[in-house]
Amino acid sequence: YLTGWQLRDEDGNEYTFPDGLIMFAGAEFNVYTRISNSESVIEGYWKSAEAIWQPGETATLVDTRGNVRATYTIP
């Protein structure tokens, strides 16, 4: 389950994964910057009019206990 997990960056931006989100091996969940009210089982939205990440920033995936599970530096 990814319910409550978060994507974070150094600027304090956070995206919290929705309730009931289950990821199976090989599955994808895409997170987009744009504003939308149509989140689904395969996509979520930051609901921002501007880009969240810039080149060189690091995105961090954090579980509900605050443990870092993955990081990715934007090329």
N, C-alpha and C. Protein backbone atom coordinates (compact mmCIF):
# COMPACT_ATOMS: atom_id res chain seq x y z
N TYR A 1 0.83 -1.19 0.00
CA TYR A 1 0.00 0.00 0.00
C TYR A 1 0.88 1.25 0.00
N LEU A 2 0.49 2.24 -0.77
CA LEU A 2 1.20 3.52 -0.76
C LEU A 2 0.35 4.63 -0.14
N THR A 3 -0.78 4.27 0.42
CA THR A 3 -1.63 5.25 1.08
C THR A 3 -0.82 6.04 2.10
N GLY A 4 -0.84 7.36 1.96
CA GLY A 4 -0.15 8.23 2.92
C GLY A 4 1.33 8.44 2.65
N TRP A 5 1.93 7.69 1.72
CA TRP A 5 3.32 7.94 1.37
C TRP A 5 3.40 9.30 0.70
N GLN A 6 4.59 9.91 0.68
CA GLN A 6 4.73 11.24 0.10
C GLN A 6 5.94 11.34 -0.83
N LEU A 7 5.78 12.19 -1.84
CA LEU A 7 6.90 12.66 -2.64
C LEU A 7 7.21 14.04 -2.10
N ARG A 8 8.48 14.31 -1.82
CA ARG A 8 8.89 15.60 -1.26
C ARG A 8 10.10 16.13 -2.01
N ASP A 9 10.30 17.44 -1.89
CA ASP A 9 11.52 18.04 -2.43
C ASP A 9 12.10 19.02 -1.42
N GLU A 10 13.25 19.61 -1.77
CA GLU A 10 13.94 20.51 -0.85
C GLU A 10 13.18 21.81 -0.62
N ASP A 11 12.25 22.14 -1.52
CA ASP A 11 11.50 23.39 -1.40
C ASP A 11 10.26 23.27 -0.52
N GLY A 12 10.04 22.08 0.04
CA GLY A 12 8.88 21.88 0.89
C GLY A 12 7.63 21.43 0.15
N ASN A 13 7.74 21.18 -1.15
CA ASN A 13 6.59 20.66 -1.90
C ASN A 13 6.36 19.20 -1.51
N GLU A 14 5.10 18.84 -1.30
CA GLU A 14 4.75 17.47 -0.92
C GLU A 14 3.53 17.01 -1.70
N TYR A 15 3.59 15.78 -2.17
CA TYR A 15 2.42 15.13 -2.76
C TYR A 15 2.16 13.89 -1.92
N THR A 16 0.94 13.75 -1.39
CA THR A 16 0.57 12.59 -0.59
C THR A 16 -0.26 11.64 -1.44
N PHE A 17 0.18 10.39 -1.50
CA PHE A 17 -0.53 9.40 -2.30
C PHE A 17 -1.92 9.14 -1.70
N PRO A 18 -2.93 8.95 -2.56
CA PRO A 18 -4.31 8.85 -2.10
C PRO A 18 -4.62 7.57 -1.32
N ASP A 19 -5.70 7.63 -0.54
CA ASP A 19 -6.17 6.48 0.23
C ASP A 19 -6.46 5.30 -0.69
N GLY A 20 -6.06 4.11 -0.25
CA GLY A 20 -6.37 2.89 -0.98
C GLY A 20 -5.45 2.57 -2.14
N LEU A 21 -4.37 3.34 -2.33
CA LEU A 21 -3.47 3.09 -3.46
C LEU A 21 -2.61 1.86 -3.18
N ILE A 22 -2.75 0.85 -4.02
CA ILE A 22 -1.98 -0.38 -3.93
C ILE A 22 -1.15 -0.49 -5.19
N MET A 23 0.15 -0.72 -5.05
CA MET A 23 1.04 -0.88 -6.19
C MET A 23 1.51 -2.33 -6.27
N PHE A 24 1.28 -2.95 -7.42
CA PHE A 24 1.77 -4.29 -7.67
C PHE A 24 3.05 -4.22 -8.48
N ALA A 25 3.84 -5.29 -8.49
CA ALA A 25 5.09 -5.33 -9.24
C ALA A 25 4.85 -4.91 -10.68
N GLY A 26 5.66 -3.98 -11.18
CA GLY A 26 5.56 -3.53 -12.56
C GLY A 26 4.51 -2.45 -12.80
N ALA A 27 3.76 -2.07 -11.76
CA ALA A 27 2.71 -1.06 -11.92
C ALA A 27 3.32 0.34 -11.93
N GLU A 28 2.57 1.29 -12.45
CA GLU A 28 2.99 2.70 -12.49
C GLU A 28 1.92 3.59 -11.88
N PHE A 29 2.37 4.66 -11.25
CA PHE A 29 1.48 5.73 -10.80
C PHE A 29 2.18 7.01 -11.16
N ASN A 30 1.62 7.78 -12.08
CA ASN A 30 2.23 9.01 -12.56
C ASN A 30 1.71 10.20 -11.77
N VAL A 31 2.62 11.09 -11.36
CA VAL A 31 2.24 12.30 -10.65
C VAL A 31 2.57 13.48 -11.57
N TYR A 32 1.53 14.27 -11.88
CA TYR A 32 1.67 15.42 -12.77
C TYR A 32 1.58 16.72 -12.00
N THR A 33 2.20 17.77 -12.53
CA THR A 33 2.17 19.08 -11.90
C THR A 33 0.81 19.75 -12.05
N ARG A 34 0.22 19.66 -13.19
CA ARG A 34 -0.95 20.47 -13.53
C ARG A 34 -2.15 20.32 -12.59
N ILE A 35 -3.03 21.27 -12.73
CA ILE A 35 -4.25 21.29 -11.93
C ILE A 35 -5.28 20.40 -12.61
N SER A 36 -5.84 19.47 -11.86
CA SER A 36 -6.88 18.58 -12.38
C SER A 36 -7.65 18.01 -11.21
N ASN A 37 -8.90 17.73 -11.44
CA ASN A 37 -9.74 17.09 -10.42
C ASN A 37 -10.02 15.64 -10.78
N SER A 38 -9.27 15.10 -11.74
CA SER A 38 -9.58 13.75 -12.22
C SER A 38 -8.52 12.72 -11.83
N GLU A 39 -8.10 12.72 -10.56
CA GLU A 39 -7.15 11.70 -10.12
C GLU A 39 -7.75 10.33 -10.34
N SER A 40 -6.90 9.36 -10.62
CA SER A 40 -7.38 8.01 -10.88
C SER A 40 -6.44 7.01 -10.22
N VAL A 41 -6.63 5.74 -10.50
CA VAL A 41 -5.79 4.70 -9.91
C VAL A 41 -4.40 4.68 -10.53
N ILE A 42 -4.18 5.44 -11.62
CA ILE A 42 -2.86 5.45 -12.26
C ILE A 42 -2.23 6.83 -12.33
N GLU A 43 -2.94 7.86 -11.87
CA GLU A 43 -2.34 9.20 -11.93
C GLU A 43 -2.87 10.12 -10.84
N GLY A 44 -1.96 11.01 -10.40
CA GLY A 44 -2.30 12.02 -9.40
C GLY A 44 -1.76 13.36 -9.84
N TYR A 45 -2.19 14.43 -9.16
CA TYR A 45 -1.83 15.79 -9.57
C TYR A 45 -1.41 16.62 -8.37
N TRP A 46 -0.32 17.40 -8.55
CA TRP A 46 0.14 18.34 -7.52
C TRP A 46 -0.82 19.51 -7.41
N LYS A 47 -1.58 19.74 -8.48
CA LYS A 47 -2.52 20.87 -8.54
C LYS A 47 -1.79 22.20 -8.46
N SER A 48 -0.75 22.32 -9.28
CA SER A 48 0.04 23.54 -9.34
C SER A 48 0.04 24.08 -10.76
N ALA A 49 0.03 25.39 -10.88
CA ALA A 49 0.08 26.03 -12.20
C ALA A 49 1.52 26.14 -12.70
N GLU A 50 2.49 25.89 -11.82
CA GLU A 50 3.91 25.99 -12.18
C GLU A 50 4.60 24.65 -11.95
N ALA A 51 5.71 24.43 -12.65
CA ALA A 51 6.50 23.22 -12.49
C ALA A 51 6.95 23.08 -11.03
N ILE A 52 6.88 21.89 -10.51
CA ILE A 52 7.29 21.63 -9.13
C ILE A 52 8.80 21.48 -9.03
N TRP A 53 9.39 20.72 -9.95
CA TRP A 53 10.82 20.44 -9.86
C TRP A 53 11.59 21.12 -10.96
N GLN A 54 12.80 21.52 -10.63
CA GLN A 54 13.74 22.12 -11.57
C GLN A 54 14.95 21.18 -11.69
N PRO A 55 15.69 21.25 -12.79
CA PRO A 55 16.89 20.42 -12.92
C PRO A 55 17.82 20.60 -11.71
N GLY A 56 18.32 19.48 -11.22
CA GLY A 56 19.22 19.49 -10.08
C GLY A 56 18.54 19.25 -8.74
N GLU A 57 17.22 19.41 -8.67
CA GLU A 57 16.50 19.15 -7.43
C GLU A 57 16.37 17.65 -7.20
N THR A 58 16.21 17.27 -5.95
CA THR A 58 16.05 15.86 -5.61
C THR A 58 14.64 15.62 -5.08
N ALA A 59 13.98 14.63 -5.67
CA ALA A 59 12.67 14.18 -5.21
C ALA A 59 12.89 12.99 -4.29
N THR A 60 12.16 12.95 -3.19
CA THR A 60 12.32 11.89 -2.20
C THR A 60 10.97 11.22 -1.95
N LEU A 61 10.96 9.88 -1.98
CA LEU A 61 9.77 9.10 -1.66
C LEU A 61 9.90 8.67 -0.21
N VAL A 62 8.88 9.03 0.61
CA VAL A 62 8.91 8.79 2.05
C VAL A 62 7.67 7.99 2.44
N ASP A 63 7.87 6.93 3.26
CA ASP A 63 6.72 6.14 3.70
C ASP A 63 6.01 6.82 4.87
N THR A 64 4.96 6.20 5.38
CA THR A 64 4.15 6.81 6.44
C THR A 64 4.89 6.94 7.77
N ARG A 65 6.00 6.25 7.91
CA ARG A 65 6.80 6.36 9.14
C ARG A 65 7.96 7.34 9.00
N GLY A 66 8.04 8.00 7.83
CA GLY A 66 9.09 8.97 7.60
C GLY A 66 10.39 8.38 7.07
N ASN A 67 10.37 7.09 6.73
CA ASN A 67 11.55 6.43 6.18
C ASN A 67 11.70 6.76 4.70
N VAL A 68 12.90 7.17 4.30
CA VAL A 68 13.17 7.43 2.89
C VAL A 68 13.24 6.10 2.16
N ARG A 69 12.42 5.95 1.11
CA ARG A 69 12.39 4.71 0.34
C ARG A 69 13.10 4.84 -0.99
N ALA A 70 13.19 6.05 -1.53
CA ALA A 70 13.89 6.27 -2.80
C ALA A 70 14.13 7.76 -2.97
N THR A 71 15.17 8.07 -3.74
CA THR A 71 15.43 9.47 -4.13
C THR A 71 15.75 9.49 -5.62
N TYR A 72 15.49 10.63 -6.22
CA TYR A 72 15.78 10.81 -7.65
C TYR A 72 16.14 12.27 -7.87
N THR A 73 17.31 12.49 -8.48
CA THR A 73 17.73 13.86 -8.80
C THR A 73 17.31 14.16 -10.23
N ILE A 74 16.58 15.26 -10.41
CA ILE A 74 16.07 15.65 -11.72
C ILE A 74 17.24 16.04 -12.60
N PRO A 75 17.35 15.40 -13.79
CA PRO A 75 18.49 15.72 -14.68
C PRO A 75 18.39 17.13 -15.26
